[in-house]
Every structure is written in C-alpha cells, then in structure tokens.
C-alpha cells in the first residue's frame, strides 16, 4: 500500500465486515492520514498526522475504537 502522498504511512485496520464476512457489505476500511483539506476517502476514516501521533501510543491489539 505504498503511496507517494504518504496517506498510508500509518494504517490501522478497522474491524468492518471481518467476522463474519458478508459478501457485498464492503471491506478494507482503515484509519489513516487525511489528505490536505480532508477530501473524501473511499469509506475509510482519516485524521491529521498530529491526531494519529497522539492516538497511536494509546492503542493496543485489543483496543476498541468507536467512530461516531
């Protein structure tokens, strides 16, 4: 997932449609760095690099993120 714009330098896989996997319900939803101006993603959640730097040390393998 290498990109020149560095949006995927840090990616957190969100547990959307993982267990059980439902055909046609979408997949590969990530938390990643936002584009400048926060232009839309393809269904992912995007945050500023600063917000990502603050969030990452607080995450663990069993962390539960609630996106509202």
PDB file of N, CA and C in Angstrom:
ATOM      1  N   UNK A   1       0.820  -1.189   0.000  1.00  0.00           N
ATOM      2  CA  UNK A   1       0.000   0.000   0.000  1.00  0.00           C
ATOM      3  C   UNK A   1       0.866   1.254   0.000  1.00  0.00           C
ATOM      4  N   UNK A   2       1.956   1.207  -0.681  1.00  0.00           N
ATOM      5  CA  UNK A   2       2.846   2.353  -0.771  1.00  0.00           C
ATOM      6  C   UNK A   2       2.212   3.449  -1.617  1.00  0.00           C
ATOM      7  N   UNK A   3       2.281   4.666  -1.104  1.00  0.00           N
ATOM      8  CA  UNK A   3       1.722   5.811  -1.820  1.00  0.00           C
ATOM      9  C   UNK A   3       2.711   6.958  -1.739  1.00  0.00           C
ATOM     10  N   UNK A   4       2.806   7.734  -2.797  1.00  0.00           N
ATOM     11  CA  UNK A   4       3.677   8.910  -2.801  1.00  0.00           C
ATOM     12  C   UNK A   4       3.165   9.998  -1.865  1.00  0.00           C
ATOM     13  N   UNK A   5       1.847  10.055  -1.650  1.00  0.00           N
ATOM     14  CA  UNK A   5       1.294  11.116  -0.801  1.00  0.00           C
ATOM     15  C   UNK A   5       1.366  10.787   0.693  1.00  0.00           C
ATOM     16  N   UNK A   6       1.855   9.608   1.060  1.00  0.00           N
ATOM     17  CA  UNK A   6       2.114   9.183   2.432  1.00  0.00           C
ATOM     18  C   UNK A   6       0.860   9.006   3.289  1.00  0.00           C
ATOM     19  N   UNK A   7      -0.310   8.947   2.661  1.00  0.00           N
ATOM     20  CA  UNK A   7      -1.554   8.773   3.421  1.00  0.00           C
ATOM     21  C   UNK A   7      -1.586   7.447   4.164  1.00  0.00           C
ATOM     22  N   UNK A   8      -0.878   6.442   3.652  1.00  0.00           N
ATOM     23  CA  UNK A   8      -0.890   5.123   4.265  1.00  0.00           C
ATOM     24  C   UNK A   8       0.408   4.812   5.008  1.00  0.00           C
ATOM     25  N   UNK A   9       1.167   5.838   5.381  1.00  0.00           N
ATOM     26  CA  UNK A   9       2.376   5.587   6.169  1.00  0.00           C
ATOM     27  C   UNK A   9       2.033   4.889   7.485  1.00  0.00           C
ATOM     28  N   UNK A  10       0.889   5.240   8.058  1.00  0.00           N
ATOM     29  CA  UNK A  10       0.374   4.578   9.250  1.00  0.00           C
ATOM     30  C   UNK A  10      -1.063   4.179   8.936  1.00  0.00           C
ATOM     31  N   UNK A  11      -1.374   2.893   9.095  1.00  0.00           N
ATOM     32  CA  UNK A  11      -2.721   2.388   8.800  1.00  0.00           C
ATOM     33  C   UNK A  11      -3.162   1.492   9.948  1.00  0.00           C
ATOM     34  N   UNK A  12      -4.362   1.734  10.436  1.00  0.00           N
ATOM     35  CA  UNK A  12      -4.978   0.874  11.444  1.00  0.00           C
ATOM     36  C   UNK A  12      -6.157   0.196  10.756  1.00  0.00           C
ATOM     37  N   UNK A  13      -6.153  -1.125  10.742  1.00  0.00           N
ATOM     38  CA  UNK A  13      -7.247  -1.874  10.118  1.00  0.00           C
ATOM     39  C   UNK A  13      -8.432  -1.861  11.079  1.00  0.00           C
ATOM     40  N   UNK A  14      -9.561  -1.356  10.598  1.00  0.00           N
ATOM     41  CA  UNK A  14     -10.778  -1.351  11.406  1.00  0.00           C
ATOM     42  C   UNK A  14     -11.537  -2.647  11.152  1.00  0.00           C
ATOM     43  N   UNK A  15     -12.202  -3.141  12.141  1.00  0.00           N
ATOM     44  CA  UNK A  15     -12.836  -4.460  12.079  1.00  0.00           C
ATOM     45  C   UNK A  15     -14.207  -4.389  11.403  1.00  0.00           C
ATOM     46  N   UNK A  16     -14.251  -3.783  10.235  1.00  0.00           N
ATOM     47  CA  UNK A  16     -15.501  -3.703   9.483  1.00  0.00           C
ATOM     48  C   UNK A  16     -15.630  -4.913   8.576  1.00  0.00           C
ATOM     49  N   UNK A  17     -16.725  -5.623   8.718  1.00  0.00           N
ATOM     50  CA  UNK A  17     -17.034  -6.774   7.870  1.00  0.00           C
ATOM     51  C   UNK A  17     -15.909  -7.820   7.867  1.00  0.00           C
ATOM     52  N   UNK A  18     -15.339  -8.062   9.049  1.00  0.00           N
ATOM     53  CA  UNK A  18     -14.274  -9.059   9.161  1.00  0.00           C
ATOM     54  C   UNK A  18     -14.800 -10.405   9.634  1.00  0.00           C
ATOM     55  N   UNK A  19     -15.608 -10.425  10.687  1.00  0.00           N
ATOM     56  CA  UNK A  19     -16.112 -11.662  11.286  1.00  0.00           C
ATOM     57  C   UNK A  19     -17.570 -11.492  11.638  1.00  0.00           C
ATOM     58  N   UNK A  20     -18.491 -12.113  11.020  1.00  0.00           N
ATOM     59  CA  UNK A  20     -18.340 -12.884   9.789  1.00  0.00           C
ATOM     60  C   UNK A  20     -18.292 -11.948   8.590  1.00  0.00           C
ATOM     61  N   UNK A  21     -17.595 -12.346   7.587  1.00  0.00           N
ATOM     62  CA  UNK A  21     -17.503 -11.564   6.356  1.00  0.00           C
ATOM     63  C   UNK A  21     -18.793 -11.741   5.565  1.00  0.00           C
ATOM     64  N   UNK A  22     -19.390 -10.614   5.171  1.00  0.00           N
ATOM     65  CA  UNK A  22     -20.647 -10.652   4.421  1.00  0.00           C
ATOM     66  C   UNK A  22     -20.396 -10.106   3.022  1.00  0.00           C
ATOM     67  N   UNK A  23     -20.623 -10.923   2.028  1.00  0.00           N
ATOM     68  CA  UNK A  23     -20.415 -10.519   0.638  1.00  0.00           C
ATOM     69  C   UNK A  23     -21.236  -9.265   0.316  1.00  0.00           C
ATOM     70  N   UNK A  24     -20.595  -8.272  -0.302  1.00  0.00           N
ATOM     71  CA  UNK A  24     -21.265  -7.048  -0.715  1.00  0.00           C
ATOM     72  C   UNK A  24     -21.386  -5.990   0.369  1.00  0.00           C
ATOM     73  N   UNK A  25     -20.883  -6.270   1.581  1.00  0.00           N
ATOM     74  CA  UNK A  25     -21.001  -5.318   2.692  1.00  0.00           C
ATOM     75  C   UNK A  25     -19.767  -4.431   2.833  1.00  0.00           C
ATOM     76  N   UNK A  26     -18.862  -4.487   1.883  1.00  0.00           N
ATOM     77  CA  UNK A  26     -17.658  -3.655   1.948  1.00  0.00           C
ATOM     78  C   UNK A  26     -16.555  -4.314   2.760  1.00  0.00           C
ATOM     79  N   UNK A  27     -15.357  -3.811   2.573  1.00  0.00           N
ATOM     80  CA  UNK A  27     -14.212  -4.341   3.306  1.00  0.00           C
ATOM     81  C   UNK A  27     -13.072  -3.341   3.235  1.00  0.00           C
ATOM     82  N   UNK A  28     -11.970  -3.696   3.877  1.00  0.00           N
ATOM     83  CA  UNK A  28     -10.748  -2.889   3.835  1.00  0.00           C
ATOM     84  C   UNK A  28     -11.001  -1.443   4.267  1.00  0.00           C
ATOM     85  N   UNK A  29     -11.611  -1.290   5.435  1.00  0.00           N
ATOM     86  CA  UNK A  29     -11.836   0.038   5.989  1.00  0.00           C
ATOM     87  C   UNK A  29     -10.700   0.306   6.973  1.00  0.00           C
ATOM     88  N   UNK A  30      -9.991   1.403   6.760  1.00  0.00           N
ATOM     89  CA  UNK A  30      -8.810   1.738   7.548  1.00  0.00           C
ATOM     90  C   UNK A  30      -8.968   3.080   8.241  1.00  0.00           C
ATOM     91  N   UNK A  31      -8.162   3.271   9.268  1.00  0.00           N
ATOM     92  CA  UNK A  31      -7.910   4.577   9.864  1.00  0.00           C
ATOM     93  C   UNK A  31      -6.553   4.983   9.313  1.00  0.00           C
ATOM     94  N   UNK A  32      -6.486   6.110   8.636  1.00  0.00           N
ATOM     95  CA  UNK A  32      -5.216   6.539   8.046  1.00  0.00           C
ATOM     96  C   UNK A  32      -5.116   8.067   8.035  1.00  0.00           C
ATOM     97  N   UNK A  33      -4.035   8.582   7.511  1.00  0.00           N
ATOM     98  CA  UNK A  33      -3.785  10.023   7.457  1.00  0.00           C
ATOM     99  C   UNK A  33      -4.692  10.658   6.405  1.00  0.00           C
ATOM    100  N   UNK A  34      -5.226  11.820   6.744  1.00  0.00           N
ATOM    101  CA  UNK A  34      -6.134  12.534   5.837  1.00  0.00           C
ATOM    102  C   UNK A  34      -5.360  13.329   4.794  1.00  0.00           C
ATOM    103  N   UNK A  35      -6.000  13.498   3.664  1.00  0.00           N
ATOM    104  CA  UNK A  35      -5.456  14.413   2.646  1.00  0.00           C
ATOM    105  C   UNK A  35      -5.586  15.840   3.159  1.00  0.00           C
ATOM    106  N   UNK A  36      -4.758  16.706   2.657  1.00  0.00           N
ATOM    107  CA  UNK A  36      -4.888  18.115   2.991  1.00  0.00           C
ATOM    108  C   UNK A  36      -6.276  18.580   2.576  1.00  0.00           C
ATOM    109  N   UNK A  37      -6.961  19.279   3.455  1.00  0.00           N
ATOM    110  CA  UNK A  37      -8.307  19.735   3.169  1.00  0.00           C
ATOM    111  C   UNK A  37      -9.378  18.699   3.471  1.00  0.00           C
ATOM    112  N   UNK A  38      -8.967  17.530   3.946  1.00  0.00           N
ATOM    113  CA  UNK A  38      -9.886  16.444   4.305  1.00  0.00           C
ATOM    114  C   UNK A  38     -10.830  16.070   3.170  1.00  0.00           C
ATOM    115  N   UNK A  39     -10.306  15.939   1.969  1.00  0.00           N
ATOM    116  CA  UNK A  39     -11.153  15.485   0.868  1.00  0.00           C
ATOM    117  C   UNK A  39     -11.610  14.057   1.169  1.00  0.00           C
ATOM    118  N   UNK A  40     -12.737  13.635   0.591  1.00  0.00           N
ATOM    119  CA  UNK A  40     -13.320  12.332   0.943  1.00  0.00           C
ATOM    120  C   UNK A  40     -12.383  11.150   0.688  1.00  0.00           C
ATOM    121  N   UNK A  41     -12.574  10.116   1.497  1.00  0.00           N
ATOM    122  CA  UNK A  41     -11.863   8.846   1.320  1.00  0.00           C
ATOM    123  C   UNK A  41     -12.803   7.883   0.599  1.00  0.00           C
ATOM    124  N   UNK A  42     -12.347   6.666   0.414  1.00  0.00           N
ATOM    125  CA  UNK A  42     -13.184   5.624  -0.197  1.00  0.00           C
ATOM    126  C   UNK A  42     -13.882   4.806   0.898  1.00  0.00           C
ATOM    127  N   UNK A  43     -14.336   5.484   1.948  1.00  0.00           N
ATOM    128  CA  UNK A  43     -15.038   4.813   3.036  1.00  0.00           C
ATOM    129  C   UNK A  43     -14.221   4.666   4.302  1.00  0.00           C
ATOM    130  N   UNK A  44     -12.966   5.078   4.266  1.00  0.00           N
ATOM    131  CA  UNK A  44     -12.097   4.981   5.433  1.00  0.00           C
ATOM    132  C   UNK A  44     -12.351   6.136   6.394  1.00  0.00           C
ATOM    133  N   UNK A  45     -11.636   6.108   7.512  1.00  0.00           N
ATOM    134  CA  UNK A  45     -11.631   7.197   8.477  1.00  0.00           C
ATOM    135  C   UNK A  45     -10.248   7.819   8.400  1.00  0.00           C
ATOM    136  N   UNK A  46     -10.186   9.120   8.193  1.00  0.00           N
ATOM    137  CA  UNK A  46      -8.884   9.793   8.034  1.00  0.00           C
ATOM    138  C   UNK A  46      -8.756  10.915   9.059  1.00  0.00           C
ATOM    139  N   UNK A  47      -7.569  11.011   9.647  1.00  0.00           N
ATOM    140  CA  UNK A  47      -7.293  12.031  10.652  1.00  0.00           C
ATOM    141  C   UNK A  47      -5.969  12.711  10.347  1.00  0.00           C
ATOM    142  N   UNK A  48      -5.717  13.824  11.010  1.00  0.00           N
ATOM    143  CA  UNK A  48      -4.473  14.564  10.791  1.00  0.00           C
ATOM    144  C   UNK A  48      -3.276  13.760  11.295  1.00  0.00           C
ATOM    145  N   UNK A  49      -2.102  14.044  10.761  1.00  0.00           N
ATOM    146  CA  UNK A  49      -0.904  13.368  11.277  1.00  0.00           C
ATOM    147  C   UNK A  49      -0.725  13.593  12.781  1.00  0.00           C
ATOM    148  N   UNK A  50      -1.019  14.793  13.263  1.00  0.00           N
ATOM    149  CA  UNK A  50      -0.895  15.093  14.698  1.00  0.00           C
ATOM    150  C   UNK A  50      -1.859  14.228  15.519  1.00  0.00           C
ATOM    151  N   UNK A  51      -3.094  14.096  15.072  1.00  0.00           N
ATOM    152  CA  UNK A  51      -4.055  13.252  15.785  1.00  0.00           C
ATOM    153  C   UNK A  51      -3.583  11.799  15.781  1.00  0.00           C
ATOM    154  N   UNK A  52      -3.023  11.336  14.682  1.00  0.00           N
ATOM    155  CA  UNK A  52      -2.509   9.963  14.607  1.00  0.00           C
ATOM    156  C   UNK A  52      -1.350   9.781  15.586  1.00  0.00           C
ATOM    157  N   UNK A  53      -0.447  10.761  15.666  1.00  0.00           N
ATOM    158  CA  UNK A  53       0.679  10.675  16.613  1.00  0.00           C
ATOM    159  C   UNK A  53       0.189  10.593  18.050  1.00  0.00           C
ATOM    160  N   UNK A  54      -0.898  11.293  18.374  1.00  0.00           N
ATOM    161  CA  UNK A  54      -1.444  11.256  19.734  1.00  0.00           C
ATOM    162  C   UNK A  54      -2.186   9.954  20.011  1.00  0.00           C
ATOM    163  N   UNK A  55      -2.841   9.405  18.996  1.00  0.00           N
ATOM    164  CA  UNK A  55      -3.649   8.206  19.169  1.00  0.00           C
ATOM    165  C   UNK A  55      -2.817   6.929  19.259  1.00  0.00           C
ATOM    166  N   UNK A  56      -1.829   6.779  18.411  1.00  0.00           N
ATOM    167  CA  UNK A  56      -1.085   5.515  18.307  1.00  0.00           C
ATOM    168  C   UNK A  56      -0.529   4.993  19.632  1.00  0.00           C
ATOM    169  N   UNK A  57       0.082   5.832  20.476  1.00  0.00           N
ATOM    170  CA  UNK A  57       0.611   5.280  21.733  1.00  0.00           C
ATOM    171  C   UNK A  57      -0.474   4.748  22.669  1.00  0.00           C
ATOM    172  N   UNK A  58      -1.705   5.127  22.442  1.00  0.00           N
ATOM    173  CA  UNK A  58      -2.807   4.711  23.308  1.00  0.00           C
ATOM    174  C   UNK A  58      -3.501   3.431  22.817  1.00  0.00           C
ATOM    175  N   UNK A  59      -3.120   2.952  21.654  1.00  0.00           N
ATOM    176  CA  UNK A  59      -3.758   1.764  21.090  1.00  0.00           C
ATOM    177  C   UNK A  59      -3.049   0.494  21.523  1.00  0.00           C
ATOM    178  N   UNK A  60      -3.815  -0.566  21.642  1.00  0.00           N
ATOM    179  CA  UNK A  60      -3.269  -1.899  21.857  1.00  0.00           C
ATOM    180  C   UNK A  60      -3.981  -2.830  20.885  1.00  0.00           C
ATOM    181  N   UNK A  61      -3.533  -4.042  20.806  1.00  0.00           N
ATOM    182  CA  UNK A  61      -4.145  -5.013  19.898  1.00  0.00           C
ATOM    183  C   UNK A  61      -5.640  -5.192  20.178  1.00  0.00           C
ATOM    184  N   UNK A  62      -6.039  -4.995  21.409  1.00  0.00           N
ATOM    185  CA  UNK A  62      -7.430  -5.215  21.792  1.00  0.00           C
ATOM    186  C   UNK A  62      -8.191  -3.904  21.996  1.00  0.00           C
ATOM    187  N   UNK A  63      -7.616  -2.807  21.571  1.00  0.00           N
ATOM    188  CA  UNK A  63      -8.300  -1.507  21.714  1.00  0.00           C
ATOM    189  C   UNK A  63      -9.589  -1.516  20.914  1.00  0.00           C
ATOM    190  N   UNK A  64     -10.553  -0.791  21.401  1.00  0.00           N
ATOM    191  CA  UNK A  64     -11.830  -0.678  20.702  1.00  0.00           C
ATOM    192  C   UNK A  64     -12.051   0.790  20.360  1.00  0.00           C
ATOM    193  N   UNK A  65     -12.061   1.093  19.075  1.00  0.00           N
ATOM    194  CA  UNK A  65     -12.323   2.443  18.613  1.00  0.00           C
ATOM    195  C   UNK A  65     -13.803   2.552  18.266  1.00  0.00           C
ATOM    196  N   UNK A  66     -14.429   3.587  18.747  1.00  0.00           N
ATOM    197  CA  UNK A  66     -15.825   3.836  18.415  1.00  0.00           C
ATOM    198  C   UNK A  66     -15.866   5.083  17.548  1.00  0.00           C
ATOM    199  N   UNK A  67     -16.323   4.932  16.337  1.00  0.00           N
ATOM    200  CA  UNK A  67     -16.361   6.038  15.370  1.00  0.00           C
ATOM    201  C   UNK A  67     -17.805   6.481  15.253  1.00  0.00           C
ATOM    202  N   UNK A  68     -18.033   7.705  15.647  1.00  0.00           N
ATOM    203  CA  UNK A  68     -19.420   8.208  15.630  1.00  0.00           C
ATOM    204  C   UNK A  68     -19.565   9.349  14.651  1.00  0.00           C
TER     205      UNK A  68
END
